Amino acid sequence: MKTSVGERKVGISALKHQGAPKFNLHPER
């Protein structure tokens, strides 16, 4: 489970776009 800063940013953006605030708080999930 390795998450790079870029990947994390993209993941947060994607999850945010989908409308998942609970995931925004836990981007490492």
PDB file of N, CA and C in Angstrom:
ATOM      1  N   MET A   1       0.848  -1.201   0.000  1.00  0.00           N
ATOM      2  CA  MET A   1       0.000   0.000   0.000  1.00  0.00           C
ATOM      3  C   MET A   1       0.878   1.243   0.000  1.00  0.00           C
ATOM      4  N   LYS A   2       1.372   1.606  -1.157  1.00  0.00           N
ATOM      5  CA  LYS A   2       2.205   2.813  -1.254  1.00  0.00           C
ATOM      6  C   LYS A   2       1.432   3.891  -1.992  1.00  0.00           C
ATOM      7  N   THR A   3       1.305   5.046  -1.362  1.00  0.00           N
ATOM      8  CA  THR A   3       0.556   6.136  -1.988  1.00  0.00           C
ATOM      9  C   THR A   3       1.456   7.354  -2.145  1.00  0.00           C
ATOM     10  N   SER A   4       1.637   7.787  -3.364  1.00  0.00           N
ATOM     11  CA  SER A   4       2.482   8.955  -3.619  1.00  0.00           C
ATOM     12  C   SER A   4       1.654  10.228  -3.441  1.00  0.00           C
ATOM     13  N   VAL A   5       2.318  11.330  -3.236  1.00  0.00           N
ATOM     14  CA  VAL A   5       1.602  12.595  -3.026  1.00  0.00           C
ATOM     15  C   VAL A   5       0.675  12.884  -4.200  1.00  0.00           C
ATOM     16  N   GLY A   6       1.177  12.698  -5.412  1.00  0.00           N
ATOM     17  CA  GLY A   6       0.356  12.961  -6.603  1.00  0.00           C
ATOM     18  C   GLY A   6      -0.855  12.049  -6.624  1.00  0.00           C
ATOM     19  N   GLU A   7      -0.598  10.767  -6.385  1.00  0.00           N
ATOM     20  CA  GLU A   7      -1.703   9.795  -6.411  1.00  0.00           C
ATOM     21  C   GLU A   7      -2.747  10.177  -5.363  1.00  0.00           C
ATOM     22  N   ARG A   8      -2.271  10.571  -4.199  1.00  0.00           N
ATOM     23  CA  ARG A   8      -3.197  10.927  -3.126  1.00  0.00           C
ATOM     24  C   ARG A   8      -4.060  12.119  -3.562  1.00  0.00           C
ATOM     25  N   LYS A   9      -3.401  13.117  -4.137  1.00  0.00           N
ATOM     26  CA  LYS A   9      -4.135  14.307  -4.591  1.00  0.00           C
ATOM     27  C   LYS A   9      -5.193  13.914  -5.615  1.00  0.00           C
ATOM     28  N   VAL A  10      -4.788  13.115  -6.579  1.00  0.00           N
ATOM     29  CA  VAL A  10      -5.726  12.688  -7.627  1.00  0.00           C
ATOM     30  C   VAL A  10      -6.863  11.884  -7.007  1.00  0.00           C
ATOM     31  N   GLY A  11      -6.519  11.002  -6.083  1.00  0.00           N
ATOM     32  CA  GLY A  11      -7.542  10.181  -5.439  1.00  0.00           C
ATOM     33  C   GLY A  11      -8.547  11.048  -4.698  1.00  0.00           C
ATOM     34  N   ILE A  12      -8.032  12.007  -3.947  1.00  0.00           N
ATOM     35  CA  ILE A  12      -8.927  12.889  -3.193  1.00  0.00           C
ATOM     36  C   ILE A  12      -9.837  13.647  -4.151  1.00  0.00           C
ATOM     37  N   SER A  13      -9.234  14.152  -5.245  1.00  0.00           N
ATOM     38  CA  SER A  13     -10.022  14.913  -6.229  1.00  0.00           C
ATOM     39  C   SER A  13     -11.109  14.027  -6.827  1.00  0.00           C
ATOM     40  N   ALA A  14     -10.731  12.801  -7.184  1.00  0.00           N
ATOM     41  CA  ALA A  14     -11.693  11.877  -7.797  1.00  0.00           C
ATOM     42  C   ALA A  14     -12.819  11.561  -6.810  1.00  0.00           C
ATOM     43  N   LEU A  15     -12.443  11.260  -5.575  1.00  0.00           N
ATOM     44  CA  LEU A  15     -13.455  10.913  -4.573  1.00  0.00           C
ATOM     45  C   LEU A  15     -14.349  12.126  -4.313  1.00  0.00           C
ATOM     46  N   LYS A  16     -13.735  13.299  -4.298  1.00  0.00           N
ATOM     47  CA  LYS A  16     -14.506  14.509  -4.055  1.00  0.00           C
ATOM     48  C   LYS A  16     -15.528  14.684  -5.173  1.00  0.00           C
ATOM     49  N   HIS A  17     -15.087  14.420  -6.390  1.00  0.00           N
ATOM     50  CA  HIS A  17     -15.967  14.567  -7.552  1.00  0.00           C
ATOM     51  C   HIS A  17     -17.142  13.594  -7.438  1.00  0.00           C
ATOM     52  N   GLN A  18     -16.860  12.413  -6.920  1.00  0.00           N
ATOM     53  CA  GLN A  18     -17.914  11.401  -6.775  1.00  0.00           C
ATOM     54  C   GLN A  18     -18.840  11.752  -5.606  1.00  0.00           C
ATOM     55  N   GLY A  19     -18.361  12.600  -4.722  1.00  0.00           N
ATOM     56  CA  GLY A  19     -19.192  12.999  -3.590  1.00  0.00           C
ATOM     57  C   GLY A  19     -19.060  12.020  -2.441  1.00  0.00           C
ATOM     58  N   ALA A  20     -17.815  11.756  -2.019  1.00  0.00           N
ATOM     59  CA  ALA A  20     -17.590  10.820  -0.909  1.00  0.00           C
ATOM     60  C   ALA A  20     -16.747  11.516   0.162  1.00  0.00           C
ATOM     61  N   PRO A  21     -17.384  12.340   0.998  1.00  0.00           N
ATOM     62  CA  PRO A  21     -16.660  13.086   2.035  1.00  0.00           C
ATOM     63  C   PRO A  21     -15.978  12.171   3.027  1.00  0.00           C
ATOM     64  N   LYS A  22     -16.569  11.026   3.298  1.00  0.00           N
ATOM     65  CA  LYS A  22     -15.974  10.114   4.280  1.00  0.00           C
ATOM     66  C   LYS A  22     -14.634   9.603   3.764  1.00  0.00           C
ATOM     67  N   PHE A  23     -14.507   9.500   2.439  1.00  0.00           N
ATOM     68  CA  PHE A  23     -13.243   9.028   1.870  1.00  0.00           C
ATOM     69  C   PHE A  23     -12.230  10.163   1.845  1.00  0.00           C
ATOM     70  N   ASN A  24     -12.737  11.385   1.718  1.00  0.00           N
ATOM     71  CA  ASN A  24     -11.848  12.544   1.698  1.00  0.00           C
ATOM     72  C   ASN A  24     -11.080  12.628   3.015  1.00  0.00           C
ATOM     73  N   LEU A  25     -11.735  12.225   4.098  1.00  0.00           N
ATOM     74  CA  LEU A  25     -11.072  12.282   5.400  1.00  0.00           C
ATOM     75  C   LEU A  25     -10.056  11.159   5.524  1.00  0.00           C
ATOM     76  N   HIS A  26     -10.239  10.100   4.739  1.00  0.00           N
ATOM     77  CA  HIS A  26      -9.306   8.957   4.792  1.00  0.00           C
ATOM     78  C   HIS A  26      -8.838   8.599   3.384  1.00  0.00           C
ATOM     79  N   PRO A  27      -7.962   9.432   2.811  1.00  0.00           N
ATOM     80  CA  PRO A  27      -7.483   9.193   1.444  1.00  0.00           C
ATOM     81  C   PRO A  27      -6.630   7.938   1.335  1.00  0.00           C
ATOM     82  N   GLU A  28      -6.118   7.462   2.473  1.00  0.00           N
ATOM     83  CA  GLU A  28      -5.244   6.279   2.435  1.00  0.00           C
ATOM     84  C   GLU A  28      -6.052   4.991   2.340  1.00  0.00           C
ATOM     85  N   ARG A  29      -7.370   5.123   2.505  1.00  0.00           N
ATOM     86  CA  ARG A  29      -8.207   3.909   2.455  1.00  0.00           C
ATOM     87  C   ARG A  29      -8.051   3.280   1.110  1.00  0.00           C
TER      88      ARG A  29
END
